[in-house]
């Protein structure tokens, strides 16, 4: 097919509105190769819990297009406490640092600017052979 004319491919990515219709303009950055047979969507381009239409248009002597719907999911936050577990005296001040916790749906810069995380600390007491102790997380 195509009568010897070269095949031209064009990728586009659109946000869908609540009814599933295409909304707005092509979201792919201008640096994203749009003429490849494979589309790679850059990290953090999609907004969690949103739907998108990825459309491929092929043109030679005629034009054909195909679309797929993509649903961006939300990832759970990553909780991290610097320093790990430790054993200390009850009269020692304990400082726990969760500053390495992050939201994987945000870029590193977005996490630094506004991590949007709420912290909940819990300490519980348990007994070791050497006596009662507490664990905080």
Protein backbone atom coordinates (compact mmCIF):
# COMPACT_ATOMS: atom_id res chain seq x y z
CA UNK A 1 0.00 0.00 0.00
CA UNK A 2 0.90 3.64 -0.19
CA UNK A 3 2.09 3.59 -3.81
CA UNK A 4 5.72 4.06 -2.81
CA UNK A 5 5.04 7.15 -0.71
CA UNK A 6 6.90 7.27 2.61
CA UNK A 7 4.94 6.41 5.73
CA UNK A 8 4.72 9.30 8.19
CA UNK A 9 3.80 8.67 11.83
CA UNK A 10 2.63 11.22 14.37
CA UNK A 11 2.00 10.61 18.08
CA UNK A 12 -0.20 12.85 20.20
CA UNK A 13 -1.29 12.73 23.84
CA UNK A 14 -4.42 14.42 25.15
CA UNK A 15 -6.13 14.75 28.51
CA UNK A 16 -9.67 13.37 28.58
CA UNK A 17 -12.53 15.25 30.21
CA UNK A 18 -14.98 13.54 32.59
CA UNK A 19 -17.03 12.32 29.60
CA UNK A 20 -13.96 10.71 27.99
CA UNK A 21 -13.65 13.31 25.23
CA UNK A 22 -10.30 14.81 24.24
CA UNK A 23 -9.66 18.04 26.10
CA UNK A 24 -7.00 20.62 25.25
CA UNK A 25 -3.91 20.41 23.08
CA UNK A 26 -1.18 17.80 22.58
CA UNK A 27 0.61 17.29 25.92
CA UNK A 28 3.77 15.75 24.53
CA UNK A 29 6.80 18.01 25.00
CA UNK A 30 8.29 19.27 21.73
CA UNK A 31 11.42 17.24 22.55
CA UNK A 32 9.44 13.96 22.52
CA UNK A 33 10.02 12.12 19.22
CA UNK A 34 6.57 11.93 17.66
CA UNK A 35 7.51 10.11 14.45
CA UNK A 36 8.85 6.91 16.03
CA UNK A 37 6.97 3.62 15.99
CA UNK A 38 7.30 3.63 19.79
CA UNK A 39 6.02 6.39 22.07
CA UNK A 40 7.80 6.95 25.37
CA UNK A 41 5.87 9.24 27.70
CA UNK A 42 8.23 11.17 29.98
CA UNK A 43 8.05 10.51 33.72
CA UNK A 44 5.74 12.82 35.69
CA UNK A 45 3.95 14.06 32.56
CA UNK A 46 0.70 12.33 33.52
CA UNK A 47 -1.37 13.52 36.46
CA UNK A 48 -2.44 10.73 38.83
CA UNK A 49 -6.10 9.67 38.62
CA UNK A 50 -6.53 11.26 35.19
CA UNK A 51 -7.39 9.70 31.83
CA UNK A 52 -5.57 10.34 28.57
CA UNK A 53 -5.88 9.50 24.89
CA UNK A 54 -2.70 8.51 23.05
CA UNK A 55 -3.28 8.80 19.30
CA UNK A 56 -1.10 7.58 16.45
CA UNK A 57 -1.76 8.94 12.97
CA UNK A 58 -0.16 7.18 9.99
CA UNK A 59 -0.05 8.97 6.65
CA UNK A 60 1.07 7.74 3.24
CA UNK A 61 -1.26 8.05 0.26
CA UNK A 62 -4.09 8.12 2.81
CA UNK A 63 -4.40 8.70 6.54
CA UNK A 64 -5.38 6.35 9.34
CA UNK A 65 -5.32 6.80 13.09
CA UNK A 66 -5.63 4.64 16.16
CA UNK A 67 -6.14 5.70 19.77
CA UNK A 68 -5.79 4.09 23.16
CA UNK A 69 -7.00 5.32 26.54
CA UNK A 70 -4.48 5.54 29.37
CA UNK A 71 -5.42 5.81 33.05
CA UNK A 72 -2.75 7.26 35.33
CA UNK A 73 -2.85 5.66 38.75
CA UNK A 74 -1.74 7.14 42.04
CA UNK A 75 1.25 5.68 43.87
CA UNK A 76 1.35 5.38 47.66
CA UNK A 77 3.78 7.68 49.48
CA UNK A 78 7.16 6.28 50.52
CA UNK A 79 7.76 6.56 54.28
CA UNK A 80 11.40 6.57 55.35
CA UNK A 81 13.02 7.25 58.73
CA UNK A 82 16.70 8.22 58.68
CA UNK A 83 18.94 6.13 60.88
CA UNK A 84 16.74 3.06 61.22
CA UNK A 85 16.07 1.20 64.46
CA UNK A 86 18.05 2.03 67.55
CA UNK A 87 18.28 1.12 71.21
CA UNK A 88 18.66 3.96 73.69
CA UNK A 89 18.25 4.83 77.32
CA UNK A 90 14.88 6.20 78.49
CA UNK A 91 16.65 9.39 79.58
CA UNK A 92 18.09 10.00 76.11
CA UNK A 93 16.34 12.44 73.81
CA UNK A 94 15.14 10.73 70.65
CA UNK A 95 14.99 12.62 67.36
CA UNK A 96 13.44 10.86 64.38
CA UNK A 97 13.83 12.35 60.90
CA UNK A 98 11.40 11.47 58.11
CA UNK A 99 12.67 14.10 55.67
CA UNK A 100 13.60 11.40 53.15
CA UNK A 101 9.93 10.39 52.81
CA UNK A 102 8.41 11.39 49.48
CA UNK A 103 5.49 11.19 47.07
CA UNK A 104 6.62 9.16 44.02
CA UNK A 105 3.97 10.86 41.87
CA UNK A 106 5.87 14.15 42.23
CA UNK A 107 9.22 15.16 40.81
CA UNK A 108 12.16 15.60 43.19
CA UNK A 109 11.81 19.39 42.88
CA UNK A 110 8.08 19.23 43.66
CA UNK A 111 8.75 17.04 46.71
CA UNK A 112 11.32 19.54 47.99
CA UNK A 113 9.06 22.55 47.40
CA UNK A 114 5.91 21.00 48.87
CA UNK A 115 5.96 17.31 49.75
CA UNK A 116 2.28 17.47 50.70
CA UNK A 117 2.80 14.69 53.22
CA UNK A 118 1.23 14.39 56.66
CA UNK A 119 3.29 12.58 59.26
CA UNK A 120 1.89 10.32 61.96
CA UNK A 121 4.28 9.02 64.59
CA UNK A 122 3.51 6.11 66.85
CA UNK A 123 5.52 4.70 69.75
CA UNK A 124 4.75 1.39 71.39
CA UNK A 125 6.25 -0.43 74.32
CA UNK A 126 7.40 -4.03 74.22
CA UNK A 127 9.48 -6.20 76.53
CA UNK A 128 12.94 -7.54 75.81
CA UNK A 129 14.74 -10.04 78.08
CA UNK A 130 16.62 -7.03 79.45
CA UNK A 131 13.37 -5.22 80.31
CA UNK A 132 10.66 -3.02 78.77
CA UNK A 133 11.54 -0.81 75.83
CA UNK A 134 9.73 1.38 73.31
CA UNK A 135 9.58 1.37 69.55
CA UNK A 136 8.64 4.43 67.49
CA UNK A 137 7.68 4.51 63.85
